[in-house]
Structure formats: structure tokens, C-alpha cells
Amino acid sequence: MHKVYADYAATSKHKPPEVWEAMEHYLKEIGTSPGRGGYSLGLEADRIIFSARQKITRLFNGDKQNNVFFSLNVTHALNSVLKGFLKKGDHVVTSSMEHNAVARPLKALEDSGIIELTMVQCTKEGLLPQDEFEKAIRPDTRMIVITHASNVTGTIMPVKEVGEIAASKGIFYVVDCAQTAGVLPIDSKEIKADVLAFTGHKGLLGPQGTGGCYLSERAVQEIFTTVHGGTGSKSDLLTHPDFMPDKFESGTPNTMGIAGLNAALDWILRRGVHDIRAHEEKLTRLFLKGLQELSDKVIIYGPQDAAQQTSTVSINMEGYDAGEVSFILDRIYGIMTRSGLHCAPCAHQTIESFPEGTLRFSFGIFSTAEEVEYILDSLGDILAQK
């Protein structure tokens, strides 16, 4: 039986061999904590973290590698930013296509009476109506938070245009790049974001337990840390360091994971994000065309345009439950997909697939056209049997 992985929006199952080799090398040959000793192996651990910071900065066309901080994942990083910046009386504008990594902390801040929240309704295709978005901005708006691309429909948001709006009004701007880092070109200067939040285990092809943010100089100054502890620096003081990256990196980091992420970043930078994007866009175009030709019983959500979305495609099939199809694809055809609400209930309400959710396919750099054709044939078989 074939084994086809089509859930890259959740995590990149397939990694470059250099990733696990780097992790094994760290465990076997280094195994020490960075920033906690002046001996040679401690310095080698330091170099791994420093190298990963440099590569993230290069990937985002940033200027200062110390403006990168690492965390457990993008959710942890976003919570650090939102709760470390927003204060009583602040107004926040976001979109209805956000992942719960954004929606839940903002809702918690709203429910506790700290902020007022406006969630701009996107179109049924998941597209952001820019006029409506700009109208939602008030004199007391302190922050705009949007996803770069939806994890449900793959819809790519106009982050550059929103950045121009934010910059013109002096509003703090946060972009969730969980679905796009390593997949779409991201230029911190062009987007004009104060925060680019990333996760290591999706498009960046690294291991789970890695993520973080690239911060603007303004963000470095204005975000307060919400986690205090040991940093290996200024240990004679009980006050937490206020310089980067120590400001946001309390405790021992996941050095083994960052070693793997560092190797993955090397691979991505050599391959080129434009090449990765071209490969995934080609597969998405092939898949969308095949779905459209498959049957009128297939409901396709999102833009249905490979140029306007990532490789993530959500569908439903009339007469079938999404979870049922996902189960059949796995057990009978060896195809791994994701069904349900994908931690983004507001997005499903927007595209009118709530509360049942959708069957989601997502491809990566290691996916092939043959796999896409096999998925289409398998869906055709399921429809024929019904």
C-alpha cells in the first residue's frame, strides 16, 4: 500500500537528512547548555543558537540577529508578544481567519477586560476585505494581528498592504507566519511588521518544540517579558535582563531542536524559498484542477487559485463526513490527511463549514505530482463506491 503524507500544514513529516543528523550530533558530541559555561562544548552550543538566529534573520531579510528570540513554538511566541505588549484600554484589530494561537489569547485578554477586540469578517474564500479592515481601525487601536496565510484554506493575506496601513497610523503590527515561513518569501522591511512569528516544524522543516519571533527595534523596546528566570547573563541581579535575546529566553532552550532547525534553515536557504514556492504552487494547481474535474459533489473551499494560496486545500464531499473520508484514505489508501476544525473555528464559520469542518490536504517540498494524482484517484474511487 502507498504511504502518502498530505498534512504539511500541521507539521512537516519529511525532513532533510541533515536535520536529524544535526540533532544526533548535538546529543552525542555536544550535549551541553548554551550560555551557561565558558568551556569549549558550551561555546559550541552557543554557536549553534547564534547560527540559527543568523539564518532566521537572513530568511526574513532582517538586520539584527539578536532580534530573533526562540521559544517552544509559535503559540508560545505569540502569547509572549500579545500579553507582553497589550495594556488596559487597548483596541486590537484581527481577522476572522485566525488560528487559535492568535484568537484564543486575544479572546482571553478581551474577556479579562484588558482589551477591546474587533475581528474583521473575511469573504467566504477567506480573503481579507481591505476597505473593511481599514474601517475597523480606531484612534485607540494599538495593534493589528493577522495570519500571513490561513491554515484552513491556504488563503494568502495582503500583509504588505496591511503593513502600510499600520505604519501610516503608527499601529503595532504582528504577523503570524506559521504557515508561510520557509514556504513564501518574507521580507521584514517590505511587510513593515513589528513582529514576525514563526514555528520551526512546518515550512521551516525543523523539529517540533521550536519557534519564535523576529522583532523590530520598536518591538524590542515596547514588549515586556512575561517569563522571568535564568538567562546565563547578569546573574548577580534579581531583575531580568532587558536586552536581546535574553529578554525573552529564560531557562534552558531546546538546543537539540534548534540544532535541527539550524540545519533545516541551511537546506532551505540553499534550495531557495522561491524554488520551494514554485514546487508547491505547481502541485496545488494540479490538485485543484483534478478536484474541479473529479465530481460536482466535491466542495472546494478557499480561493481555488494556486497563486492566491499556499499548498493547503480544504474540501468536503456531499454525502460523506470529512472524518469518515480521512479515515478511509488512511486505512485503505495510506493517505494521511487532517479533518475537523483545524484549531480555527472562526475560519470555518467564515467559509461556512462550521461546525463539521473540512477534509484538509496540504503538500510540501517533498510531495510529488505522482502523490497528488494518487490522492485524486483515491478520492475518485471513494466517490464511485458510494
Protein backbone atom coordinates (compact mmCIF):
# COMPACT_ATOMS: atom_id res chain seq x y z
CA MET A 1 0.00 0.00 0.00
CA HIS A 2 1.16 3.54 -0.76
CA LYS A 3 2.13 5.80 2.14
CA VAL A 4 1.40 9.41 1.22
CA TYR A 5 1.72 12.27 3.68
CA ALA A 6 -0.56 15.22 2.90
CA ASP A 7 -0.63 17.14 6.17
CA TYR A 8 2.26 19.59 5.87
CA ALA A 9 0.07 22.41 7.26
CA ALA A 10 0.15 20.55 10.58
CA THR A 11 3.81 19.55 10.53
CA SER A 12 6.49 18.59 8.02
CA LYS A 13 6.82 14.86 8.50
CA HIS A 14 9.62 14.55 5.95
CA LYS A 15 12.82 16.45 6.78
CA PRO A 16 16.16 16.85 5.06
CA PRO A 17 18.57 14.18 6.43
CA GLU A 18 20.77 17.00 7.73
CA VAL A 19 18.11 17.80 10.35
CA TRP A 20 18.26 14.56 12.31
CA GLU A 21 21.99 14.29 11.71
CA ALA A 22 22.49 17.70 13.35
CA MET A 23 20.28 16.71 16.28
CA GLU A 24 22.15 13.45 16.77
CA HIS A 25 25.49 15.28 16.55
CA TYR A 26 24.39 17.71 19.24
CA LEU A 27 23.27 14.91 21.58
CA LYS A 28 26.29 12.69 21.03
CA GLU A 29 29.10 15.23 20.66
CA ILE A 30 27.95 18.40 22.50
CA GLY A 31 25.02 17.85 24.87
CA THR A 32 25.64 20.99 26.95
CA SER A 33 23.62 24.15 27.58
CA PRO A 34 24.39 27.36 25.70
CA GLY A 35 25.28 30.47 27.67
CA ARG A 36 25.96 28.50 30.83
CA GLY A 37 29.72 27.92 30.70
CA GLY A 38 32.92 29.12 29.13
CA TYR A 39 34.17 25.65 28.27
CA SER A 40 34.51 24.59 24.65
CA LEU A 41 31.36 22.46 24.38
CA GLY A 42 29.26 25.22 25.95
CA LEU A 43 30.63 27.65 23.40
CA GLU A 44 29.81 25.17 20.62
CA ALA A 45 26.20 25.08 21.84
CA ASP A 46 26.25 28.91 21.78
CA ARG A 47 27.42 28.84 18.19
CA ILE A 48 24.51 26.62 17.14
CA ILE A 49 21.94 29.04 18.59
CA PHE A 50 23.77 32.04 17.12
CA SER A 51 23.92 30.40 13.69
CA ALA A 52 20.17 29.70 13.73
CA ARG A 53 19.47 33.33 14.66
CA GLN A 54 21.58 34.48 11.73
CA LYS A 55 19.70 32.27 9.31
CA ILE A 56 16.24 33.35 10.52
CA THR A 57 17.36 36.96 10.13
CA ARG A 58 18.60 36.26 6.61
CA LEU A 59 15.40 34.40 5.70
CA PHE A 60 13.30 37.42 6.76
CA ASN A 61 15.72 39.98 5.29
CA GLY A 62 16.26 41.42 8.75
CA ASP A 63 19.13 43.44 10.13
CA LYS A 64 19.85 42.22 13.66
CA GLN A 65 20.18 38.54 14.52
CA ASN A 66 19.81 39.33 18.23
CA ASN A 67 16.27 40.50 17.47
CA VAL A 68 15.35 36.84 16.98
CA PHE A 69 14.17 35.00 20.08
CA PHE A 70 13.41 31.29 20.26
CA SER A 71 10.51 29.70 22.14
CA LEU A 72 8.67 26.39 22.38
CA ASN A 73 6.52 27.09 19.31
CA VAL A 74 4.68 29.87 17.52
CA THR A 75 1.78 29.75 20.01
CA HIS A 76 4.12 30.37 22.92
CA ALA A 77 5.85 33.14 20.97
CA LEU A 78 2.57 34.87 20.08
CA ASN A 79 1.36 34.70 23.68
CA SER A 80 4.62 36.30 24.81
CA VAL A 81 4.10 39.16 22.35
CA LEU A 82 0.38 39.76 22.87
CA LYS A 83 0.44 39.56 26.65
CA GLY A 84 3.74 41.40 26.90
CA PHE A 85 2.54 44.39 24.89
CA LEU A 86 -1.21 44.94 25.25
CA LYS A 87 -2.47 47.01 28.18
CA LYS A 88 -5.77 48.05 29.71
CA GLY A 89 -7.87 50.01 27.23
CA ASP A 90 -6.04 48.92 24.07
CA HIS A 91 -8.01 48.13 20.92
CA VAL A 92 -6.91 45.28 18.62
CA VAL A 93 -7.95 44.50 15.06
CA THR A 94 -7.64 41.00 13.66
CA SER A 95 -9.32 38.82 11.00
CA SER A 96 -11.87 36.02 11.10
CA MET A 97 -9.36 33.59 9.54
CA GLU A 98 -7.02 33.40 12.53
CA HIS A 99 -5.72 30.23 14.13
CA ASN A 100 -6.49 29.77 17.82
CA ALA A 101 -2.84 30.65 18.52
CA VAL A 102 -3.96 34.24 17.86
CA ALA A 103 -7.70 34.08 18.54
CA ARG A 104 -7.59 32.47 21.98
CA PRO A 105 -5.05 34.76 23.68
CA LEU A 106 -6.85 37.79 22.22
CA LYS A 107 -10.20 36.43 23.44
CA ALA A 108 -8.71 35.81 26.89
CA LEU A 109 -7.44 39.41 27.01
CA GLU A 110 -10.87 40.66 25.91
CA ASP A 111 -12.73 38.52 28.45
CA SER A 112 -10.48 39.78 31.25
CA GLY A 113 -11.36 43.38 30.34
CA ILE A 114 -7.87 44.33 29.20
CA ILE A 115 -8.55 44.95 25.50
CA GLU A 116 -11.37 45.60 23.08
CA LEU A 117 -11.26 43.33 20.05
CA THR A 118 -12.56 43.78 16.51
CA MET A 119 -12.50 40.70 14.29
CA VAL A 120 -12.96 41.74 10.65
CA GLN A 121 -15.09 39.30 8.68
CA CYS A 122 -13.32 37.84 5.65
CA THR A 123 -15.03 36.64 2.49
CA LYS A 124 -16.21 33.08 2.00
CA GLU A 125 -12.94 32.40 0.17
CA GLY A 126 -11.03 33.59 3.22
CA LEU A 127 -9.90 36.81 1.55
CA LEU A 128 -9.42 39.94 3.65
CA PRO A 129 -11.59 42.92 2.56
CA GLN A 130 -9.02 45.68 2.93
CA ASP A 131 -11.54 48.54 2.94
CA GLU A 132 -13.49 46.93 5.79
CA PHE A 133 -10.26 46.19 7.61
CA GLU A 134 -9.16 49.83 7.45
CA LYS A 135 -12.60 50.99 8.63
CA ALA A 136 -12.21 48.82 11.74
CA ILE A 137 -9.21 50.85 12.90
CA ARG A 138 -9.99 53.35 15.67
CA PRO A 139 -7.99 56.18 17.29
CA ASP A 140 -7.26 53.84 20.23
CA THR A 141 -6.18 50.89 18.04
CA ARG A 142 -2.83 49.72 19.42
CA MET A 143 -2.28 46.52 17.47
CA ILE A 144 -3.13 44.73 14.25
CA VAL A 145 -2.65 40.94 14.23
CA ILE A 146 -3.19 38.81 11.14
CA THR A 147 -2.11 35.47 9.78
CA HIS A 148 0.09 35.51 6.68
CA ALA A 149 -1.88 32.55 5.28
CA SER A 150 -4.82 30.53 6.55
CA ASN A 151 -4.17 27.04 7.86
CA VAL A 152 -7.67 26.04 6.67
CA THR A 153 -7.91 27.36 3.10
CA GLY A 154 -4.33 28.43 2.42
CA THR A 155 -5.59 31.93 1.55
CA ILE A 156 -2.67 34.38 1.46
CA MET A 157 -3.41 37.66 3.23
CA PRO A 158 -2.30 41.09 1.91
CA VAL A 159 0.28 41.51 4.67
CA LYS A 160 2.24 44.16 2.78
CA GLU A 161 -0.81 46.36 2.24
CA VAL A 162 -1.92 45.93 5.86
CA GLY A 163 1.62 46.80 6.92
CA GLU A 164 1.42 50.07 5.04
CA ILE A 165 -1.84 50.90 6.81
CA ALA A 166 -0.33 50.07 10.20
CA ALA A 167 2.83 52.06 9.51
CA SER A 168 0.89 55.13 8.34
CA LYS A 169 -1.05 55.16 11.61
CA GLY A 170 1.78 54.11 13.92
CA ILE A 171 -0.02 50.91 14.93
CA PHE A 172 1.92 47.93 16.28
CA TYR A 173 1.77 45.16 13.65
CA VAL A 174 2.05 41.40 14.29
CA VAL A 175 2.10 38.77 11.52
CA ASP A 176 1.63 35.06 12.24
CA CYS A 177 3.95 33.33 9.75
CA ALA A 178 3.31 29.77 10.98
CA GLN A 179 2.03 28.67 7.56
CA THR A 180 4.44 30.68 5.42
CA ALA A 181 7.93 30.76 6.92
CA GLY A 182 10.10 28.71 4.57
CA VAL A 183 7.27 28.48 2.04
CA LEU A 184 6.68 32.07 0.88
CA PRO A 185 9.28 34.83 0.56
CA ILE A 186 9.02 37.05 3.66
CA ASP A 187 10.71 40.45 3.74
CA SER A 188 10.53 42.17 7.13
CA LYS A 189 11.30 45.55 5.58
CA GLU A 190 8.63 45.24 2.88
CA ILE A 191 5.94 43.96 5.26
CA LYS A 192 6.84 46.58 7.90
CA ALA A 193 5.82 44.24 10.69
CA ASP A 194 6.91 44.76 14.28
CA VAL A 195 6.69 41.02 14.88
CA LEU A 196 7.10 38.06 12.52
CA ALA A 197 6.14 34.95 14.49
CA PHE A 198 7.34 31.58 13.17
CA THR A 199 7.28 27.91 14.04
CA GLY A 200 10.11 25.53 13.27
CA HIS A 201 8.29 22.31 12.43
CA LYS A 202 6.14 23.27 9.44
CA GLY A 203 7.56 25.01 6.36
CA LEU A 204 10.93 25.51 8.07
CA LEU A 205 11.33 21.68 8.09
CA GLY A 206 12.72 21.58 11.62
CA PRO A 207 11.60 19.56 14.65
CA GLN A 208 8.66 20.21 16.97
CA GLY A 209 9.37 22.30 20.06
CA THR A 210 10.98 25.14 18.12
CA GLY A 211 9.63 28.55 17.17
CA GLY A 212 9.99 32.21 17.98
CA CYS A 213 9.81 35.75 16.63
CA TYR A 214 11.78 38.28 14.67
CA LEU A 215 11.24 41.69 16.29
CA SER A 216 11.57 45.26 15.07
CA GLU A 217 13.56 47.69 17.20
CA ARG A 218 10.29 49.20 18.41
CA ALA A 219 9.05 45.76 19.47
CA VAL A 220 12.28 45.10 21.38
CA GLN A 221 11.71 48.29 23.38
CA GLU A 222 7.95 48.08 23.91
CA ILE A 223 7.24 44.40 24.62
CA PHE A 224 7.72 43.36 28.23
CA THR A 225 8.74 39.81 29.03
CA THR A 226 6.12 37.71 30.82
CA VAL A 227 8.56 34.94 31.81
CA HIS A 228 11.44 35.65 34.17
CA GLY A 229 14.31 33.40 35.18
CA GLY A 230 17.84 32.31 34.46
CA THR A 231 19.48 33.52 31.28
CA GLY A 232 23.16 32.94 32.00
CA SER A 233 23.63 36.73 31.93
CA LYS A 234 23.51 39.37 34.68
CA SER A 235 23.22 36.56 37.22
CA ASP A 236 24.21 38.92 40.05
CA LEU A 237 20.89 40.79 39.63
CA LEU A 238 17.37 39.73 40.56
CA THR A 239 15.96 41.97 37.84
CA HIS A 240 15.55 40.25 34.49
CA PRO A 241 17.84 41.38 31.63
CA ASP A 242 16.17 43.85 29.26
CA PHE A 243 18.49 43.26 26.31
CA MET A 244 18.00 40.86 23.41
CA PRO A 245 17.73 37.96 23.08
CA ASP A 246 17.98 37.22 26.83
CA LYS A 247 14.90 39.36 27.47
CA PHE A 248 12.65 36.64 26.00
CA GLU A 249 14.73 33.49 26.55
CA SER A 250 14.50 32.46 30.19
CA GLY A 251 15.65 28.96 31.10
CA THR A 252 17.46 26.30 29.11
CA PRO A 253 16.50 26.35 25.42
CA ASN A 254 15.72 23.36 23.24
CA THR A 255 19.25 23.34 21.87
CA MET A 256 18.86 19.92 20.25
CA GLY A 257 15.74 21.15 18.42
CA ILE A 258 17.39 24.41 17.40
CA ALA A 259 20.36 22.42 16.09
CA GLY A 260 17.92 20.57 13.83
CA LEU A 261 16.21 23.82 12.85
CA ASN A 262 19.60 25.37 12.06
CA ALA A 263 20.34 22.52 9.64
CA ALA A 264 16.87 22.84 8.09
CA LEU A 265 17.40 26.57 7.56
CA ASP A 266 20.70 25.81 5.84
CA TRP A 267 18.88 23.46 3.49
CA ILE A 268 16.09 25.97 2.76
CA LEU A 269 18.49 28.83 2.09
CA ARG A 270 20.49 26.66 -0.30
CA ARG A 271 17.37 25.43 -2.10
CA GLY A 272 15.75 28.86 -2.14
CA VAL A 273 12.29 29.83 -0.92
CA HIS A 274 11.25 30.88 -4.44
CA ASP A 275 12.03 27.37 -5.70
CA ILE A 276 10.10 25.80 -2.81
CA ARG A 277 7.14 28.05 -3.50
CA ALA A 278 7.20 27.22 -7.22
CA HIS A 279 7.17 23.48 -6.47
CA GLU A 280 4.26 23.71 -4.02
CA GLU A 281 2.31 26.06 -6.28
CA LYS A 282 2.65 23.59 -9.17
CA LEU A 283 1.29 20.75 -7.03
CA THR A 284 -1.55 22.91 -5.73
CA ARG A 285 -2.56 23.88 -9.26
CA LEU A 286 -2.54 20.20 -10.28
CA PHE A 287 -4.62 19.21 -7.26
CA LEU A 288 -7.19 21.98 -7.68
CA LYS A 289 -7.64 21.17 -11.37
CA GLY A 290 -8.10 17.49 -10.55
CA LEU A 291 -10.65 18.22 -7.83
CA GLN A 292 -12.64 20.50 -10.13
CA GLU A 293 -12.77 17.76 -12.75
CA LEU A 294 -13.47 14.96 -10.27
CA SER A 295 -17.12 15.48 -9.42
CA ASP A 296 -19.68 18.18 -8.74
CA LYS A 297 -20.11 16.50 -5.34
CA VAL A 298 -16.72 17.88 -4.25
CA ILE A 299 -16.97 21.22 -2.44
CA ILE A 300 -13.68 23.16 -2.57
CA TYR A 301 -13.10 25.98 -0.13
CA GLY A 302 -10.81 28.97 -0.44
CA PRO A 303 -9.65 30.98 -3.48
CA GLN A 304 -9.22 27.89 -5.72
CA ASP A 305 -6.26 29.70 -7.22
CA ALA A 306 -2.75 28.38 -6.58
CA ALA A 307 -1.32 31.89 -6.89
CA GLN A 308 -3.54 33.19 -4.07
CA GLN A 309 -2.97 30.39 -1.59
CA THR A 310 -0.42 28.08 -0.09
CA SER A 311 -0.49 24.35 -0.80
CA THR A 312 -3.33 23.92 1.72
CA VAL A 313 -6.68 22.90 0.22
CA SER A 314 -9.84 22.12 2.19
CA ILE A 315 -12.76 20.16 0.75
CA ASN A 316 -15.93 18.29 1.63
CA MET A 317 -17.73 15.60 -0.36
CA GLU A 318 -21.51 15.53 -0.42
CA GLY A 319 -22.86 12.51 1.40
CA TYR A 320 -19.65 11.99 3.39
CA ASP A 321 -18.39 13.16 6.74
CA ALA A 322 -14.89 14.67 6.49
CA GLY A 323 -13.64 12.47 9.31
CA GLU A 324 -15.02 9.40 7.57
CA VAL A 325 -13.17 10.21 4.34
CA SER A 326 -9.97 10.95 6.23
CA PHE A 327 -10.24 7.57 7.97
CA ILE A 328 -10.86 5.72 4.69
CA LEU A 329 -7.98 7.49 2.97
CA ASP A 330 -5.63 6.46 5.77
CA ARG A 331 -6.74 2.88 6.34
CA ILE A 332 -7.49 1.84 2.76
CA TYR A 333 -5.22 4.05 0.66
CA GLY A 334 -2.41 5.01 3.04
CA ILE A 335 -3.04 8.76 2.61
CA MET A 336 -2.57 10.91 5.72
CA THR A 337 -4.81 14.00 5.92
CA ARG A 338 -6.43 16.16 8.58
CA SER A 339 -10.16 16.54 9.19
CA GLY A 340 -12.17 18.74 11.54
CA LEU A 341 -11.86 22.37 12.56
CA HIS A 342 -8.05 22.62 12.45
CA CYS A 343 -7.87 24.81 15.60
CA ALA A 344 -9.52 27.64 13.64
CA PRO A 345 -13.29 27.70 14.35
CA CYS A 346 -13.73 31.32 13.23
CA ALA A 347 -12.21 30.46 9.86
CA HIS A 348 -14.68 27.61 9.41
CA GLN A 349 -17.57 29.93 10.32
CA THR A 350 -16.24 32.30 7.67
CA ILE A 351 -16.11 29.70 4.90
CA GLU A 352 -19.40 28.15 6.09
CA SER A 353 -18.04 24.75 7.09
CA PHE A 354 -18.75 25.08 10.82
CA PRO A 355 -19.28 23.01 12.95
CA GLU A 356 -18.45 19.91 10.90
CA GLY A 357 -15.18 21.25 9.48
CA THR A 358 -13.42 20.07 6.36
CA LEU A 359 -11.04 17.49 4.97
CA ARG A 360 -7.70 19.24 4.53
CA PHE A 361 -4.85 18.36 2.18
CA SER A 362 -1.52 20.17 2.32
CA PHE A 363 1.66 19.50 0.38
CA GLY A 364 5.33 20.27 0.91
CA ILE A 365 8.64 20.38 -0.87
CA PHE A 366 8.96 16.58 -0.61
CA SER A 367 5.49 15.94 -2.08
CA THR A 368 5.32 14.76 -5.70
CA ALA A 369 2.94 15.06 -8.65
CA GLU A 370 2.56 11.26 -8.54
CA GLU A 371 1.27 11.51 -4.98
CA VAL A 372 -1.21 14.20 -5.96
CA GLU A 373 -2.51 12.03 -8.82
CA TYR A 374 -2.79 9.06 -6.44
CA ILE A 375 -4.85 11.15 -3.99
CA LEU A 376 -7.19 12.25 -6.79
CA ASP A 377 -7.59 8.65 -7.98
CA SER A 378 -8.33 7.53 -4.43
CA LEU A 379 -10.98 10.20 -3.96
CA GLY A 380 -12.47 9.14 -7.28
CA ASP A 381 -12.65 5.53 -6.05
CA ILE A 382 -14.43 6.60 -2.86
CA LEU A 383 -16.98 8.63 -4.80
CA ALA A 384 -17.58 5.75 -7.23
CA GLN A 385 -18.18 3.29 -4.41
CA LYS A 386 -20.81 5.49 -2.83
